[in-house]
Amino acid sequence: MKTNRTAVKQYLVSIIDLDGYDMTATTDAEKVRAAMTICRREVGHIRNTQEMIEHWFSGLCSVVSLPYLYTDIIQTARQFTKFTEAEEEKLFQNWFHYMAAQFAQLASKYNA
């Protein structure tokens, strides 16, 4: 299963929503930095960045509104990759882990 990681990262940035937080961000870098600031406030007790983000995402954080229902995850994933019916369950099981890995790369890129 080959994934368009650039599209995944663009998607992640596009769903960052800072409403309700006293922060503004216009560029991708500002959005990712703001999201990571909130992530650290909420789950900063986890030191590994990817694990921290995965924990945050799987707890249904309000800043990055990732799908969490099976059908929504599968539908969203189809935007980025092709997969068989047999691969759906694995994709579902790894959803937050994979998205956290991509977001951690963004955080690293933007020194967040």
C-alpha atoms as a PDB file:
ATOM      1  CA  MET A   1       0.000   0.000   0.000  1.00  0.00           C
ATOM      2  CA  LYS A   2       1.757   3.148  -1.206  1.00  0.00           C
ATOM      3  CA  THR A   3       0.552   6.342   0.440  1.00  0.00           C
ATOM      4  CA  ASN A   4       0.825   9.900  -0.808  1.00  0.00           C
ATOM      5  CA  ARG A   5       2.511  11.252   2.331  1.00  0.00           C
ATOM      6  CA  THR A   6       2.623  14.810   1.002  1.00  0.00           C
ATOM      7  CA  ALA A   7      -1.154  14.776   0.603  1.00  0.00           C
ATOM      8  CA  VAL A   8      -1.548  13.299   4.093  1.00  0.00           C
ATOM      9  CA  LYS A   9       0.537  16.105   5.584  1.00  0.00           C
ATOM     10  CA  GLN A  10      -1.401  18.740   3.654  1.00  0.00           C
ATOM     11  CA  TYR A  11      -4.617  17.175   4.918  1.00  0.00           C
ATOM     12  CA  LEU A  12      -3.379  17.218   8.516  1.00  0.00           C
ATOM     13  CA  VAL A  13      -2.508  20.908   8.300  1.00  0.00           C
ATOM     14  CA  SER A  14      -5.855  21.673   6.660  1.00  0.00           C
ATOM     15  CA  ILE A  15      -7.842  20.172   9.537  1.00  0.00           C
ATOM     16  CA  ILE A  16      -6.045  22.080  12.296  1.00  0.00           C
ATOM     17  CA  ASP A  17      -8.719  24.159  14.021  1.00  0.00           C
ATOM     18  CA  LEU A  18      -7.617  26.629  16.689  1.00  0.00           C
ATOM     19  CA  ASP A  19     -11.116  27.927  17.467  1.00  0.00           C
ATOM     20  CA  GLY A  20     -11.579  28.128  21.197  1.00  0.00           C
ATOM     21  CA  TYR A  21      -7.888  28.693  21.802  1.00  0.00           C
ATOM     22  CA  ASP A  22      -6.272  32.082  22.206  1.00  0.00           C
ATOM     23  CA  MET A  23      -4.044  31.522  19.183  1.00  0.00           C
ATOM     24  CA  THR A  24      -3.928  32.632  15.591  1.00  0.00           C
ATOM     25  CA  ALA A  25      -2.026  31.021  12.761  1.00  0.00           C
ATOM     26  CA  THR A  26      -2.033  31.596   9.037  1.00  0.00           C
ATOM     27  CA  THR A  27       0.928  29.635   7.675  1.00  0.00           C
ATOM     28  CA  ASP A  28       1.360  25.877   7.820  1.00  0.00           C
ATOM     29  CA  ALA A  29       4.315  26.322  10.170  1.00  0.00           C
ATOM     30  CA  GLU A  30       2.298  28.514  12.558  1.00  0.00           C
ATOM     31  CA  LYS A  31      -0.608  26.055  12.543  1.00  0.00           C
ATOM     32  CA  VAL A  32       1.621  23.072  13.319  1.00  0.00           C
ATOM     33  CA  ARG A  33       3.498  24.976  16.041  1.00  0.00           C
ATOM     34  CA  ALA A  34       0.236  26.085  17.649  1.00  0.00           C
ATOM     35  CA  ALA A  35      -1.162  22.547  17.511  1.00  0.00           C
ATOM     36  CA  MET A  36       1.999  21.148  19.082  1.00  0.00           C
ATOM     37  CA  THR A  37       1.877  23.755  21.850  1.00  0.00           C
ATOM     38  CA  ILE A  38      -1.647  22.620  22.692  1.00  0.00           C
ATOM     39  CA  CYS A  39      -0.662  18.957  22.379  1.00  0.00           C
ATOM     40  CA  ARG A  40       2.182  19.438  24.872  1.00  0.00           C
ATOM     41  CA  ARG A  41      -0.159  21.199  27.290  1.00  0.00           C
ATOM     42  CA  GLU A  42      -2.682  18.390  27.099  1.00  0.00           C
ATOM     43  CA  VAL A  43      -0.444  15.291  26.956  1.00  0.00           C
ATOM     44  CA  GLY A  44       3.059  16.590  27.518  1.00  0.00           C
ATOM     45  CA  HIS A  45       3.750  13.924  30.122  1.00  0.00           C
ATOM     46  CA  ILE A  46       4.609  11.589  27.218  1.00  0.00           C
ATOM     47  CA  ARG A  47       8.162  12.401  26.135  1.00  0.00           C
ATOM     48  CA  ASN A  48       8.320  10.603  22.783  1.00  0.00           C
ATOM     49  CA  THR A  49       6.859  13.070  20.268  1.00  0.00           C
ATOM     50  CA  GLN A  50       5.162  10.520  18.022  1.00  0.00           C
ATOM     51  CA  GLU A  51       3.692   8.607  20.971  1.00  0.00           C
ATOM     52  CA  MET A  52       2.481  11.885  22.496  1.00  0.00           C
ATOM     53  CA  ILE A  53       0.765  12.892  19.252  1.00  0.00           C
ATOM     54  CA  GLU A  54      -0.749   9.424  18.799  1.00  0.00           C
ATOM     55  CA  HIS A  55      -2.149   9.522  22.322  1.00  0.00           C
ATOM     56  CA  TRP A  56      -3.533  13.001  21.661  1.00  0.00           C
ATOM     57  CA  PHE A  57      -5.088  12.034  18.313  1.00  0.00           C
ATOM     58  CA  SER A  58      -6.620   8.833  19.640  1.00  0.00           C
ATOM     59  CA  GLY A  59      -8.160  10.790  22.512  1.00  0.00           C
ATOM     60  CA  LEU A  60     -10.107  12.727  19.891  1.00  0.00           C
ATOM     61  CA  CYS A  61      -8.351  16.053  20.350  1.00  0.00           C
ATOM     62  CA  SER A  62     -10.373  19.068  19.286  1.00  0.00           C
ATOM     63  CA  VAL A  63      -7.526  20.778  17.421  1.00  0.00           C
ATOM     64  CA  VAL A  64      -6.903  18.139  14.746  1.00  0.00           C
ATOM     65  CA  SER A  65     -10.254  16.609  13.918  1.00  0.00           C
ATOM     66  CA  LEU A  66      -9.309  13.233  12.518  1.00  0.00           C
ATOM     67  CA  PRO A  67     -12.040  10.764  11.651  1.00  0.00           C
ATOM     68  CA  TYR A  68     -12.436   8.062  14.275  1.00  0.00           C
ATOM     69  CA  LEU A  69     -15.286   5.928  12.969  1.00  0.00           C
ATOM     70  CA  TYR A  70     -14.351   2.940  10.817  1.00  0.00           C
ATOM     71  CA  THR A  71     -16.256   4.027   7.706  1.00  0.00           C
ATOM     72  CA  ASP A  72     -14.996   7.617   7.960  1.00  0.00           C
ATOM     73  CA  ILE A  73     -11.391   6.479   8.373  1.00  0.00           C
ATOM     74  CA  ILE A  74     -11.637   4.181   5.349  1.00  0.00           C
ATOM     75  CA  GLN A  75     -13.263   6.904   3.248  1.00  0.00           C
ATOM     76  CA  THR A  76     -10.617   9.461   4.243  1.00  0.00           C
ATOM     77  CA  ALA A  77      -7.760   7.020   3.664  1.00  0.00           C
ATOM     78  CA  ARG A  78      -8.963   6.434   0.099  1.00  0.00           C
ATOM     79  CA  GLN A  79      -7.930  10.045  -0.640  1.00  0.00           C
ATOM     80  CA  PHE A  80      -4.296   9.099  -0.016  1.00  0.00           C
ATOM     81  CA  THR A  81      -3.838   5.474  -0.990  1.00  0.00           C
ATOM     82  CA  LYS A  82      -5.351   2.481  -2.712  1.00  0.00           C
ATOM     83  CA  PHE A  83      -5.988  -0.610  -0.648  1.00  0.00           C
ATOM     84  CA  THR A  84      -7.943  -3.822  -0.816  1.00  0.00           C
ATOM     85  CA  GLU A  85     -10.814  -4.840   1.363  1.00  0.00           C
ATOM     86  CA  ALA A  86      -8.461  -7.265   3.068  1.00  0.00           C
ATOM     87  CA  GLU A  87      -6.152  -4.358   4.013  1.00  0.00           C
ATOM     88  CA  GLU A  88      -8.918  -2.205   5.525  1.00  0.00           C
ATOM     89  CA  GLU A  89      -8.688  -3.644   9.028  1.00  0.00           C
ATOM     90  CA  LYS A  90      -4.924  -3.120   9.202  1.00  0.00           C
ATOM     91  CA  LEU A  91      -5.343   0.438   7.960  1.00  0.00           C
ATOM     92  CA  PHE A  92      -8.017   1.064  10.597  1.00  0.00           C
ATOM     93  CA  GLN A  93      -5.876  -0.415  13.377  1.00  0.00           C
ATOM     94  CA  ASN A  94      -2.874   1.735  12.401  1.00  0.00           C
ATOM     95  CA  TRP A  95      -4.773   4.939  11.616  1.00  0.00           C
ATOM     96  CA  PHE A  96      -3.763   7.086  14.606  1.00  0.00           C
ATOM     97  CA  HIS A  97      -0.237   5.673  14.655  1.00  0.00           C
ATOM     98  CA  TYR A  98       0.334   6.533  10.994  1.00  0.00           C
ATOM     99  CA  MET A  99      -1.239   9.984  11.229  1.00  0.00           C
ATOM    100  CA  ALA A 100       0.815  10.729  14.338  1.00  0.00           C
ATOM    101  CA  ALA A 101       3.994   9.729  12.496  1.00  0.00           C
ATOM    102  CA  GLN A 102       3.161  12.128   9.673  1.00  0.00           C
ATOM    103  CA  PHE A 103       2.311  14.930  12.100  1.00  0.00           C
ATOM    104  CA  ALA A 104       5.531  14.309  14.039  1.00  0.00           C
ATOM    105  CA  GLN A 105       7.428  14.797  10.774  1.00  0.00           C
ATOM    106  CA  LEU A 106       5.616  18.098  10.258  1.00  0.00           C
ATOM    107  CA  ALA A 107       6.447  19.136  13.814  1.00  0.00           C
ATOM    108  CA  SER A 108      10.096  18.341  13.200  1.00  0.00           C
ATOM    109  CA  LYS A 109      10.112  20.180   9.891  1.00  0.00           C
ATOM    110  CA  TYR A 110       8.658  23.322  11.497  1.00  0.00           C
ATOM    111  CA  ASN A 111      10.678  23.041  14.729  1.00  0.00           C
ATOM    112  CA  ALA A 112       7.462  22.744  16.688  1.00  0.00           C
END
